[in-house]
């Protein structure tokens, strides 16, 4: 069964949309987000967002961190960058910018990796961070047999 079909009944999800668009639309509330490659591609990642800094709360904050390339060392941002750096085509493309004398910061590479993956997301709101974490874990357990980019995954006992 398609992983998205397994996850759909577990919550009320937003429509799928491009990461940058959804980062602006998502509410500043705790919740869980799903990421896939393109509008109809495979499910890649499941994450949660709790209460964050007052300036970047909840889902809007977490997705915004990724959209701006500031999540290069955690979660979805790190997973996308790891895969992009393993692709010679992506690396050659970024190297071209460097050879042209254009400076590239880590956040530029991270943002480019997410664009290269064509990340689309869907999200659901939860009551609080603990509820978001619990739903994320429930989803990851339901998807135990499916390949995802999540490094740390709960396992069935």
Protein backbone atom coordinates (compact mmCIF):
# COMPACT_ATOMS: atom_id res chain seq x y z
CA UNK A 1 0.00 0.00 0.00
CA UNK A 2 1.16 3.54 -0.79
CA UNK A 3 2.54 5.19 2.39
CA UNK A 4 0.41 8.29 1.84
CA UNK A 5 -2.73 6.12 1.85
CA UNK A 6 -1.63 4.67 5.20
CA UNK A 7 -1.11 8.13 6.70
CA UNK A 8 -4.18 9.95 5.36
CA UNK A 9 -6.68 8.47 7.86
CA UNK A 10 -4.54 9.41 10.87
CA UNK A 11 -5.29 13.16 10.71
CA UNK A 12 -6.89 15.95 8.69
CA UNK A 13 -4.17 17.06 6.29
CA UNK A 14 -3.72 20.25 4.30
CA UNK A 15 -3.57 20.08 0.53
CA UNK A 16 -0.12 19.29 -0.83
CA UNK A 17 1.90 22.29 -1.95
CA UNK A 18 5.43 23.41 -2.74
CA UNK A 19 7.57 23.87 0.37
CA UNK A 20 8.03 27.63 -0.07
CA UNK A 21 4.31 28.22 -0.50
CA UNK A 22 3.32 26.00 2.40
CA UNK A 23 5.92 27.60 4.68
CA UNK A 24 4.02 30.87 4.25
CA UNK A 25 0.54 29.29 4.56
CA UNK A 26 1.13 26.92 7.47
CA UNK A 27 -0.18 28.11 10.82
CA UNK A 28 2.11 29.09 13.69
CA UNK A 29 0.88 26.07 15.63
CA UNK A 30 2.33 22.67 16.57
CA UNK A 31 1.76 19.84 14.14
CA UNK A 32 3.12 17.17 11.84
CA UNK A 33 4.26 17.57 8.25
CA UNK A 34 4.79 15.11 5.44
CA UNK A 35 7.25 15.71 2.60
CA UNK A 36 7.35 14.14 -0.81
CA UNK A 37 9.16 14.68 -4.08
CA UNK A 38 6.95 16.74 -6.36
CA UNK A 39 3.20 17.06 -6.32
CA UNK A 40 2.62 13.31 -6.72
CA UNK A 41 5.97 11.72 -5.89
CA UNK A 42 6.83 9.27 -3.15
CA UNK A 43 6.65 10.12 0.53
CA UNK A 44 10.15 11.04 1.70
CA UNK A 45 9.96 12.34 5.23
CA UNK A 46 7.73 12.76 8.28
CA UNK A 47 8.46 15.48 10.82
CA UNK A 48 6.90 17.39 13.65
CA UNK A 49 6.98 20.98 14.79
CA UNK A 50 6.33 22.15 18.31
CA UNK A 51 6.24 25.53 19.85
CA UNK A 52 9.30 27.40 18.57
CA UNK A 53 10.73 30.82 19.19
CA UNK A 54 8.09 33.53 19.35
CA UNK A 55 9.23 34.91 15.99
CA UNK A 56 8.95 31.52 14.20
CA UNK A 57 6.36 29.36 15.94
CA UNK A 58 5.04 25.93 15.03
CA UNK A 59 4.64 24.52 11.55
CA UNK A 60 5.18 27.88 9.87
CA UNK A 61 8.48 28.26 11.68
CA UNK A 62 9.77 24.76 11.00
CA UNK A 63 8.83 24.75 7.31
CA UNK A 64 10.19 28.28 6.98
CA UNK A 65 13.55 27.18 8.37
CA UNK A 66 13.77 24.61 5.59
CA UNK A 67 12.49 26.94 2.86
CA UNK A 68 15.15 29.53 3.76
CA UNK A 69 17.91 26.89 3.77
CA UNK A 70 18.57 27.23 7.49
CA UNK A 71 17.85 23.57 8.27
CA UNK A 72 20.95 22.10 6.63
CA UNK A 73 21.99 20.12 9.70
CA UNK A 74 18.71 18.68 10.91
CA UNK A 75 15.66 16.80 9.76
CA UNK A 76 14.35 17.23 6.25
CA UNK A 77 16.96 19.83 5.29
CA UNK A 78 19.85 17.57 6.23
CA UNK A 79 18.28 14.55 4.51
CA UNK A 80 17.76 16.45 1.25
CA UNK A 81 21.27 17.92 1.34
CA UNK A 82 22.83 14.49 2.02
CA UNK A 83 21.11 13.05 -1.03
CA UNK A 84 21.87 16.03 -3.26
CA UNK A 85 25.57 15.90 -2.34
CA UNK A 86 25.63 12.24 -3.40
CA UNK A 87 24.38 13.21 -6.87
CA UNK A 88 27.22 14.28 -9.23
CA UNK A 89 24.81 16.34 -11.35
CA UNK A 90 23.76 18.43 -8.36
CA UNK A 91 27.35 18.90 -7.21
CA UNK A 92 28.51 19.91 -10.72
CA UNK A 93 25.67 22.45 -10.88
CA UNK A 94 26.70 24.01 -7.56
CA UNK A 95 30.38 23.88 -8.57
CA UNK A 96 29.49 25.87 -11.67
CA UNK A 97 28.33 28.75 -9.44
CA UNK A 98 31.59 28.63 -7.51
CA UNK A 99 33.67 28.57 -10.72
CA UNK A 100 31.78 31.66 -11.88
CA UNK A 101 33.01 33.45 -8.75
CA UNK A 102 29.61 33.43 -7.07
CA UNK A 103 29.89 32.81 -3.36
CA UNK A 104 27.74 30.05 -1.99
CA UNK A 105 26.87 29.71 1.67
CA UNK A 106 25.75 26.49 3.36
CA UNK A 107 22.16 27.76 3.43
CA UNK A 108 22.31 28.31 -0.35
CA UNK A 109 23.32 24.67 -0.83
CA UNK A 110 20.59 23.50 1.55
CA UNK A 111 17.93 25.58 -0.20
CA UNK A 112 19.16 24.32 -3.58
CA UNK A 113 19.00 20.71 -2.34
CA UNK A 114 15.36 21.12 -1.35
CA UNK A 115 14.59 22.76 -4.69
CA UNK A 116 16.45 19.93 -6.49
CA UNK A 117 14.26 17.43 -4.62
CA UNK A 118 11.18 19.52 -5.49
CA UNK A 119 9.83 19.10 -1.95
CA UNK A 120 6.09 19.35 -1.50
CA UNK A 121 4.51 19.20 1.92
CA UNK A 122 1.21 18.58 3.63
CA UNK A 123 0.62 19.30 7.30
CA UNK A 124 -1.81 18.85 10.14
CA UNK A 125 -2.19 20.83 13.35
CA UNK A 126 -2.00 19.21 16.78
CA UNK A 127 -2.89 20.43 20.25
CA UNK A 128 0.71 20.81 21.43
CA UNK A 129 4.29 19.66 20.84
CA UNK A 130 3.74 16.41 22.76
CA UNK A 131 0.75 15.56 20.55
CA UNK A 132 2.78 16.38 17.44
CA UNK A 133 5.61 14.12 18.57
CA UNK A 134 3.16 11.31 19.39
CA UNK A 135 1.45 11.57 15.97
CA UNK A 136 4.81 11.65 14.18
CA UNK A 137 5.84 8.49 16.05
CA UNK A 138 2.54 6.79 15.24
CA UNK A 139 2.99 7.59 11.55
CA UNK A 140 6.60 6.40 11.51
CA UNK A 141 5.57 3.11 13.15
CA UNK A 142 2.76 2.70 10.60
CA UNK A 143 5.36 3.25 7.86
CA UNK A 144 7.94 0.95 9.45
CA UNK A 145 8.34 -1.15 6.29
CA UNK A 146 8.55 1.86 3.96
CA UNK A 147 11.74 3.61 3.02
CA UNK A 148 11.85 7.19 4.30
CA UNK A 149 14.61 9.73 4.76
CA UNK A 150 14.05 9.89 8.53
CA UNK A 151 17.24 8.73 10.26
CA UNK A 152 15.76 8.08 13.69
CA UNK A 153 12.65 5.97 13.53
CA UNK A 154 10.74 4.19 16.27
CA UNK A 155 10.53 0.45 15.79
CA UNK A 156 7.76 -1.97 16.55
CA UNK A 157 8.51 -4.01 19.66
